[in-house]
Amino acid sequence: MPRLPSLTATTIAFVILSALFAGLLGYMTLNKRVRAYQENALAIAVETRVRGAQVAFSSALHREWEGLKAVAQKLDPDDPGRLDRALSLVVGSGEIVSWAGYAANDGVVKTASNGLLVNTSVASRPWFQQGLNGDFAGDVHEAVLLASLLPQQGAEPLRFLDLASPIRGSNGSVEGVLGYHLNYKWAQRLLREMAASLDVDLFLVNVNGDVVIATADGANHSPDLPSFRTARTGASGINVETWPDGKSYFTAVLPELGYQDLPRFGWSMIARIDASALVEPSRQFSAGLLWNFGVFGLLLILMTSAFIVLFIRPFGQLAENAVRIAAGDDVYPLESKRTIELKKISSAIANLQGKVAPVAKQSGQSRHE
């Protein structure tokens, strides 16, 4: 006859299997939920940071635009030379504004900072052509007419951002265009400082999907990624992408912000955060979760042991007592009041022993006679 498991062994096996199943299910569920929460938090973080960087960058550009509009209000198309000194003061060391000048509607520069390009035609330049039609903000471009007139800034060629506004005469007609060339290095440094303070990588992308400014070293090209394709369409989006460096990043794309009366450059801004930022918090959470499960398992063992001693072992003792009574041993019936079931079984065994004992005694006397 096969040996049957004891109630104690069955209880221990049930508790261990239940604990393992519940622990595994709980571990997997909590890890999944926490990771989803962390991913959502990181996505919100990158979107919030790129929006903050976008506002700060637009605000800095708007300050220069306000300066241009203030000069435009003072400029007299009939006597533009009166602002020679003012334009030179606007440029100063050239750290922010590299060149400022006014060209009449024939495209000839009438006054400019430090006298640069005066009497030179800029009729073919986009800032002048677009400025005749209204307020204009131009994408990054290399210096053309000023390339040999301004000091070089390192090995890279001079590059500018353009701001321009039409100048109207007393009769309301356009008499010329006031233009600013903003220093690309200033814009690049400004964006890099923002990226460093926000702990993200930032990319300005034009309507063609080309990188205008990148704060990450060696990332001035335009990879074929969903974020750059989204930027070309002028839409917004958040993705997890694998970049050419082989790393995964949480990436957020925002179209150009309409900031007060600042003309639009046509840029989108992309921000990315290394997805490995999830790894360490997840690892710490998993380690903490395992530690907590370990402590819970130890407490479960202690509680199970106490439960077996208090409630399971009495059933075994009662069973052994019943076997001895059935075998005719003169033993006192075990009484247990731990549970109702134990009390009922103890009482039943005592009643059976009380009924069986007189019968056994009479049988013994008959054999003796």
Protein backbone atom coordinates (compact mmCIF):
# COMPACT_ATOMS: atom_id res chain seq x y z
CA MET A 1 0.00 0.00 0.00
CA PRO A 2 1.56 3.34 -1.01
CA ARG A 3 2.48 5.65 1.78
CA LEU A 4 0.09 8.59 2.00
CA PRO A 5 1.36 12.09 2.76
CA SER A 6 0.73 13.52 6.18
CA LEU A 7 -1.47 16.55 6.78
CA THR A 8 1.62 18.46 7.91
CA ALA A 9 3.50 17.67 4.69
CA THR A 10 0.45 18.52 2.61
CA THR A 11 0.03 21.86 4.38
CA ILE A 12 3.71 22.75 3.92
CA ALA A 13 3.62 21.85 0.22
CA PHE A 14 0.44 23.87 -0.30
CA VAL A 15 1.88 26.96 1.42
CA ILE A 16 5.20 26.75 -0.47
CA LEU A 17 3.57 26.30 -3.89
CA SER A 18 1.03 29.05 -3.21
CA ALA A 19 3.78 31.40 -2.03
CA LEU A 20 5.96 30.67 -5.07
CA PHE A 21 3.08 31.15 -7.50
CA ALA A 22 1.86 34.34 -5.81
CA GLY A 23 5.40 35.69 -5.50
CA LEU A 24 6.26 35.05 -9.15
CA LEU A 25 3.00 36.52 -10.37
CA GLY A 26 3.37 39.52 -8.07
CA TYR A 27 7.00 40.08 -9.09
CA MET A 28 6.19 39.98 -12.80
CA THR A 29 3.10 42.18 -12.45
CA LEU A 30 4.78 44.80 -10.26
CA ASN A 31 7.89 44.93 -12.44
CA LYS A 32 5.74 45.39 -15.53
CA ARG A 33 3.60 48.08 -13.94
CA VAL A 34 6.57 49.94 -12.48
CA ARG A 35 8.45 49.84 -15.79
CA ALA A 36 5.39 51.15 -17.62
CA TYR A 37 5.10 53.93 -15.04
CA GLN A 38 8.78 54.79 -15.38
CA GLU A 39 8.55 54.84 -19.17
CA ASN A 40 5.55 57.15 -18.99
CA ALA A 41 7.32 59.40 -16.48
CA LEU A 42 10.42 59.56 -18.69
CA ALA A 43 8.32 60.33 -21.75
CA ILE A 44 6.62 63.18 -19.87
CA ALA A 45 10.00 64.37 -18.61
CA VAL A 46 11.56 64.58 -22.08
CA GLU A 47 8.49 66.32 -23.48
CA THR A 48 8.44 68.83 -20.62
CA ARG A 49 12.15 69.55 -20.99
CA VAL A 50 12.02 70.08 -24.73
CA ARG A 51 9.07 72.42 -24.28
CA GLY A 52 10.98 74.38 -21.65
CA ALA A 53 14.07 74.58 -23.87
CA GLN A 54 11.93 75.69 -26.78
CA VAL A 55 10.35 78.51 -24.78
CA ALA A 56 13.72 79.68 -23.41
CA PHE A 57 15.37 79.60 -26.84
CA SER A 58 12.48 81.44 -28.48
CA SER A 59 12.55 84.02 -25.69
CA ALA A 60 16.25 84.69 -26.31
CA LEU A 61 15.63 85.14 -30.05
CA HIS A 62 12.65 87.35 -29.31
CA ARG A 63 14.83 89.72 -27.28
CA GLU A 64 16.97 90.31 -30.36
CA TRP A 65 13.83 90.72 -32.46
CA GLU A 66 12.57 93.37 -30.05
CA GLY A 67 15.91 95.14 -30.38
CA LEU A 68 15.57 95.13 -34.16
CA LYS A 69 12.03 96.53 -33.98
CA ALA A 70 13.17 99.27 -31.61
CA VAL A 71 15.90 100.31 -34.05
CA ALA A 72 13.43 100.10 -36.97
CA GLN A 73 11.15 102.64 -35.28
CA LYS A 74 14.04 105.13 -35.07
CA LEU A 75 15.31 104.58 -38.61
CA ASP A 76 14.55 107.40 -41.07
CA PRO A 77 14.68 106.07 -44.65
CA ASP A 78 15.57 109.57 -45.86
CA ASP A 79 18.53 109.83 -43.50
CA PRO A 80 19.59 106.31 -42.46
CA GLY A 81 23.14 107.42 -41.65
CA ARG A 82 21.93 108.87 -38.36
CA LEU A 83 21.81 105.29 -37.03
CA ASP A 84 25.40 104.35 -37.94
CA ARG A 85 26.52 104.50 -34.33
CA ALA A 86 23.38 102.82 -33.01
CA LEU A 87 23.88 99.83 -35.32
CA SER A 88 27.53 99.54 -34.29
CA LEU A 89 26.46 99.54 -30.63
CA VAL A 90 23.90 96.81 -31.38
CA VAL A 91 26.66 94.59 -32.74
CA GLY A 92 29.28 95.47 -30.12
CA SER A 93 31.75 92.59 -29.94
CA GLY A 94 29.66 90.52 -32.33
CA GLU A 95 28.95 87.85 -29.75
CA ILE A 96 25.20 87.89 -30.42
CA VAL A 97 24.59 90.09 -33.46
CA SER A 98 27.40 89.75 -36.01
CA TRP A 99 26.11 92.42 -38.40
CA ALA A 100 23.23 94.88 -38.60
CA GLY A 101 22.40 97.01 -41.59
CA TYR A 102 19.76 98.82 -43.61
CA ALA A 103 19.37 98.40 -47.36
CA ALA A 104 17.13 100.60 -49.49
CA ASN A 105 14.56 98.94 -51.71
CA ASP A 106 17.10 98.84 -54.54
CA GLY A 107 19.16 96.42 -52.44
CA VAL A 108 22.07 98.78 -51.72
CA VAL A 109 23.21 98.98 -48.09
CA LYS A 110 22.90 102.58 -46.83
CA THR A 111 24.05 102.15 -43.25
CA ALA A 112 25.53 99.23 -41.32
CA SER A 113 27.43 98.31 -38.18
CA ASN A 114 31.06 99.40 -38.36
CA GLY A 115 30.45 100.50 -41.96
CA LEU A 116 30.60 96.94 -43.28
CA LEU A 117 28.93 96.41 -46.70
CA VAL A 118 27.87 100.06 -47.04
CA ASN A 119 27.16 100.79 -50.72
CA THR A 120 27.21 97.05 -51.43
CA SER A 121 24.21 95.38 -53.08
CA VAL A 122 22.43 92.70 -51.06
CA ALA A 123 19.54 92.45 -53.51
CA SER A 124 20.14 88.72 -54.04
CA ARG A 125 20.26 87.84 -50.35
CA PRO A 126 17.16 86.01 -48.95
CA TRP A 127 16.89 88.24 -45.88
CA PHE A 128 16.50 91.30 -48.10
CA GLN A 129 14.14 89.70 -50.62
CA GLN A 130 11.90 88.26 -47.92
CA GLY A 131 12.18 91.34 -45.74
CA LEU A 132 10.60 93.48 -48.46
CA ASN A 133 7.45 91.37 -48.09
CA GLY A 134 7.24 91.42 -44.31
CA ASP A 135 8.90 90.33 -41.09
CA PHE A 136 11.32 87.50 -41.74
CA ALA A 137 13.37 84.94 -39.81
CA GLY A 138 15.93 82.97 -41.81
CA ASP A 139 17.49 79.56 -41.30
CA VAL A 140 21.19 79.03 -40.59
CA HIS A 141 23.46 79.81 -43.54
CA GLU A 142 27.14 80.42 -44.15
CA ALA A 143 28.45 83.94 -44.52
CA VAL A 144 28.75 85.11 -48.13
CA LEU A 145 29.48 88.82 -48.42
CA LEU A 146 30.81 89.05 -44.86
CA ALA A 147 32.97 85.93 -44.98
CA SER A 148 36.17 87.90 -45.60
CA LEU A 149 35.20 90.97 -43.57
CA LEU A 150 34.51 89.47 -40.13
CA PRO A 151 37.06 87.59 -38.00
CA GLN A 152 36.85 83.80 -38.19
CA GLN A 153 35.64 81.86 -35.15
CA GLY A 154 37.78 78.76 -35.18
CA ALA A 155 38.12 76.39 -38.11
CA GLU A 156 34.42 76.40 -38.97
CA PRO A 157 33.06 78.94 -41.47
CA LEU A 158 31.02 81.87 -40.24
CA ARG A 159 27.32 81.13 -40.05
CA PHE A 160 24.34 83.34 -39.28
CA LEU A 161 20.65 83.36 -38.45
CA ASP A 162 18.72 86.15 -40.14
CA LEU A 163 16.13 88.58 -38.81
CA ALA A 164 14.68 91.25 -41.08
CA SER A 165 11.84 93.75 -41.12
CA PRO A 166 10.60 96.17 -43.79
CA ILE A 167 11.09 99.89 -43.20
CA ARG A 168 8.22 102.06 -44.33
CA GLY A 169 8.27 105.70 -45.31
CA SER A 170 5.87 108.42 -44.27
CA ASN A 171 3.42 107.37 -46.96
CA GLY A 172 3.38 103.76 -45.73
CA SER A 173 5.26 102.25 -48.66
CA VAL A 174 8.28 100.01 -48.13
CA GLU A 175 11.50 102.00 -48.48
CA GLY A 176 13.98 99.31 -47.51
CA VAL A 177 14.84 96.47 -45.11
CA LEU A 178 16.59 96.43 -41.74
CA GLY A 179 18.43 93.17 -41.21
CA TYR A 180 20.33 91.44 -38.43
CA HIS A 181 22.76 88.56 -38.80
CA LEU A 182 22.72 86.65 -35.49
CA ASN A 183 25.88 84.78 -34.55
CA TYR A 184 25.35 81.04 -35.03
CA LYS A 185 27.94 80.30 -32.33
CA TRP A 186 25.86 82.27 -29.82
CA ALA A 187 22.70 80.32 -30.69
CA GLN A 188 24.63 77.04 -30.52
CA ARG A 189 26.15 77.89 -27.14
CA LEU A 190 22.77 79.01 -25.80
CA LEU A 191 21.11 75.75 -26.81
CA ARG A 192 23.97 73.67 -25.41
CA GLU A 193 23.74 75.42 -22.06
CA MET A 194 20.01 74.69 -21.98
CA ALA A 195 20.60 71.04 -22.85
CA ALA A 196 23.22 70.68 -20.14
CA SER A 197 20.99 72.25 -17.49
CA LEU A 198 18.03 70.05 -18.50
CA ASP A 199 20.18 66.91 -18.93
CA VAL A 200 18.91 66.19 -22.46
CA ASP A 201 20.28 66.27 -25.99
CA LEU A 202 18.59 68.89 -28.18
CA PHE A 203 18.35 69.17 -31.95
CA LEU A 204 16.98 72.01 -34.04
CA VAL A 205 15.67 70.59 -37.31
CA ASN A 206 14.53 72.61 -40.30
CA VAL A 207 11.66 71.84 -42.66
CA ASN A 208 13.94 69.63 -44.77
CA GLY A 209 14.73 67.46 -41.76
CA ASP A 210 18.31 68.73 -41.59
CA VAL A 211 19.96 69.40 -38.24
CA VAL A 212 20.49 73.13 -37.74
CA ILE A 213 21.98 72.94 -34.25
CA ALA A 214 22.84 69.82 -32.25
CA THR A 215 24.01 69.80 -28.65
CA ALA A 216 25.35 66.22 -28.79
CA ASP A 217 28.92 65.91 -30.06
CA GLY A 218 29.17 64.27 -33.46
CA ALA A 219 25.40 64.40 -34.03
CA ASN A 220 25.15 67.16 -36.63
CA HIS A 221 23.91 64.82 -39.34
CA SER A 222 20.27 63.91 -39.94
CA PRO A 223 19.64 60.21 -39.26
CA ASP A 224 16.73 58.44 -40.88
CA LEU A 225 14.61 58.14 -37.75
CA PRO A 226 10.86 58.51 -37.07
CA SER A 227 11.54 61.64 -35.01
CA PHE A 228 13.22 63.42 -37.93
CA ARG A 229 10.50 62.32 -40.32
CA THR A 230 7.95 63.69 -37.84
CA ALA A 231 9.90 66.97 -37.63
CA ARG A 232 9.77 67.35 -41.42
CA THR A 233 5.98 67.22 -41.31
CA GLY A 234 5.77 69.81 -38.53
CA ALA A 235 3.99 67.39 -36.20
CA SER A 236 4.75 66.35 -32.63
CA GLY A 237 5.43 62.92 -31.20
CA ILE A 238 7.18 60.80 -28.57
CA ASN A 239 9.02 57.58 -29.44
CA VAL A 240 11.66 55.17 -28.22
CA GLU A 241 14.26 55.00 -30.97
CA THR A 242 17.59 53.31 -31.59
CA TRP A 243 20.01 55.94 -32.87
CA PRO A 244 23.08 55.36 -35.07
CA ASP A 245 25.27 55.06 -31.95
CA GLY A 246 23.39 51.84 -31.14
CA LYS A 247 21.70 53.25 -28.02
CA SER A 248 17.98 53.56 -27.38
CA TYR A 249 16.57 56.97 -26.50
CA PHE A 250 13.24 58.41 -25.46
CA THR A 251 12.71 61.07 -28.12
CA ALA A 252 10.22 63.94 -28.16
CA VAL A 253 9.47 66.17 -31.16
CA LEU A 254 7.74 69.55 -30.95
CA PRO A 255 6.97 71.86 -33.88
CA GLU A 256 8.17 75.46 -33.74
CA LEU A 257 6.64 77.51 -30.98
CA GLY A 258 4.74 80.62 -31.96
CA TYR A 259 6.35 83.10 -29.56
CA GLN A 260 4.65 86.50 -29.44
CA ASP A 261 5.48 88.43 -32.66
CA LEU A 262 8.73 86.59 -33.42
CA PRO A 263 8.73 85.46 -37.08
CA ARG A 264 8.92 81.70 -37.56
CA PHE A 265 12.20 80.10 -38.56
CA GLY A 266 10.46 76.89 -39.60
CA TRP A 267 12.26 74.77 -37.02
CA SER A 268 11.16 71.80 -34.98
CA MET A 269 12.97 70.83 -31.80
CA ILE A 270 13.89 67.26 -30.90
CA ALA A 271 14.98 66.18 -27.43
CA ARG A 272 16.28 62.78 -26.41
CA ILE A 273 17.06 61.05 -23.10
CA ASP A 274 19.09 57.87 -22.90
CA ALA A 275 16.66 55.00 -22.26
CA SER A 276 19.28 53.40 -20.01
CA ALA A 277 18.07 55.89 -17.40
CA LEU A 278 15.38 53.27 -16.78
CA VAL A 279 17.85 50.48 -16.10
CA GLU A 280 19.22 51.52 -12.72
CA PRO A 281 15.85 52.44 -11.11
CA SER A 282 14.37 49.20 -12.45
CA ARG A 283 17.31 47.20 -11.12
CA GLN A 284 17.04 48.85 -7.72
CA PHE A 285 13.30 48.24 -7.64
CA SER A 286 13.76 44.58 -8.61
CA ALA A 287 16.45 44.10 -5.97
CA GLY A 288 14.25 45.75 -3.34
CA LEU A 289 11.28 43.68 -4.42
CA LEU A 290 13.26 40.45 -4.15
CA TRP A 291 14.49 41.48 -0.71
CA ASN A 292 10.92 42.18 0.41
CA PHE A 293 9.75 38.84 -0.99
CA GLY A 294 12.59 37.15 0.90
CA VAL A 295 11.52 38.77 4.17
CA PHE A 296 7.90 37.85 3.42
CA GLY A 297 8.97 34.24 2.73
CA LEU A 298 10.79 34.06 6.06
CA LEU A 299 7.76 35.42 7.91
CA LEU A 300 5.54 32.97 6.01
CA ILE A 301 7.74 30.06 7.12
CA LEU A 302 7.55 31.19 10.74
CA MET A 303 3.78 31.68 10.57
CA THR A 304 3.31 28.32 8.82
CA SER A 305 5.40 26.57 11.47
CA ALA A 306 3.32 28.15 14.23
CA PHE A 307 0.11 27.20 12.39
CA ILE A 308 1.26 23.58 12.04
CA VAL A 309 2.21 23.37 15.71
CA LEU A 310 -1.02 24.93 16.90
CA PHE A 311 -3.59 23.49 14.50
CA ILE A 312 -2.19 20.72 12.30
CA ARG A 313 -0.12 18.68 14.73
CA PRO A 314 -3.09 18.12 17.10
CA PHE A 315 -4.87 16.25 14.26
CA GLY A 316 -1.91 13.86 14.07
CA GLN A 317 -1.83 13.41 17.81
CA LEU A 318 -5.57 12.81 17.84
CA ALA A 319 -5.25 10.27 15.02
CA GLU A 320 -2.52 8.40 16.90
CA ASN A 321 -4.66 8.44 20.05
CA ALA A 322 -7.62 7.01 18.10
CA VAL A 323 -5.45 4.21 16.68
CA ARG A 324 -4.28 3.17 20.14
CA ILE A 325 -7.81 3.22 21.51
CA ALA A 326 -9.01 1.11 18.57
CA ALA A 327 -6.19 -1.35 19.30
CA GLY A 328 -7.52 -1.80 22.84
CA ASP A 329 -4.85 0.16 24.69
CA ASP A 330 -6.04 1.59 27.93
CA VAL A 331 -5.23 5.25 27.17
CA TYR A 332 -7.05 8.37 28.14
CA PRO A 333 -8.81 10.04 25.19
CA LEU A 334 -6.92 13.10 23.97
CA GLU A 335 -8.85 16.32 24.41
CA SER A 336 -8.21 19.27 22.12
CA LYS A 337 -10.13 22.53 22.03
CA ARG A 338 -7.97 24.37 19.46
CA THR A 339 -10.74 24.27 16.90
CA ILE A 340 -14.39 23.16 16.78
CA GLU A 341 -13.45 20.22 14.54
CA LEU A 342 -10.78 18.99 16.96
CA LYS A 343 -13.18 19.30 19.89
CA LYS A 344 -15.88 17.33 18.06
CA ILE A 345 -13.47 14.55 17.07
CA SER A 346 -12.07 14.35 20.61
CA SER A 347 -15.58 14.11 22.05
CA ALA A 348 -16.57 11.46 19.51
CA ILE A 349 -13.54 9.31 20.31
CA ALA A 350 -14.23 9.63 24.05
CA ASN A 351 -17.87 8.57 23.51
CA LEU A 352 -16.81 5.60 21.40
CA GLN A 353 -14.29 4.56 24.01
CA GLY A 354 -17.01 4.80 26.69
CA LYS A 355 -19.32 2.50 24.69
CA VAL A 356 -16.64 0.01 23.65
CA ALA A 357 -15.02 -0.41 27.08
CA PRO A 358 -18.08 -2.07 28.88
CA VAL A 359 -18.56 -4.46 25.95
CA ALA A 360 -14.92 -5.47 26.04
CA LYS A 361 -15.08 -5.90 29.80
CA GLN A 362 -18.17 -8.21 29.61
CA SER A 363 -16.52 -10.23 26.83
CA GLY A 364 -13.48 -10.71 29.00
CA GLN A 365 -15.56 -11.88 32.01
CA SER A 366 -17.45 -14.43 29.81
CA ARG A 367 -14.23 -16.01 28.60
CA HIS A 368 -12.98 -16.16 32.18
CA GLU A 369 -16.10 -18.06 33.39
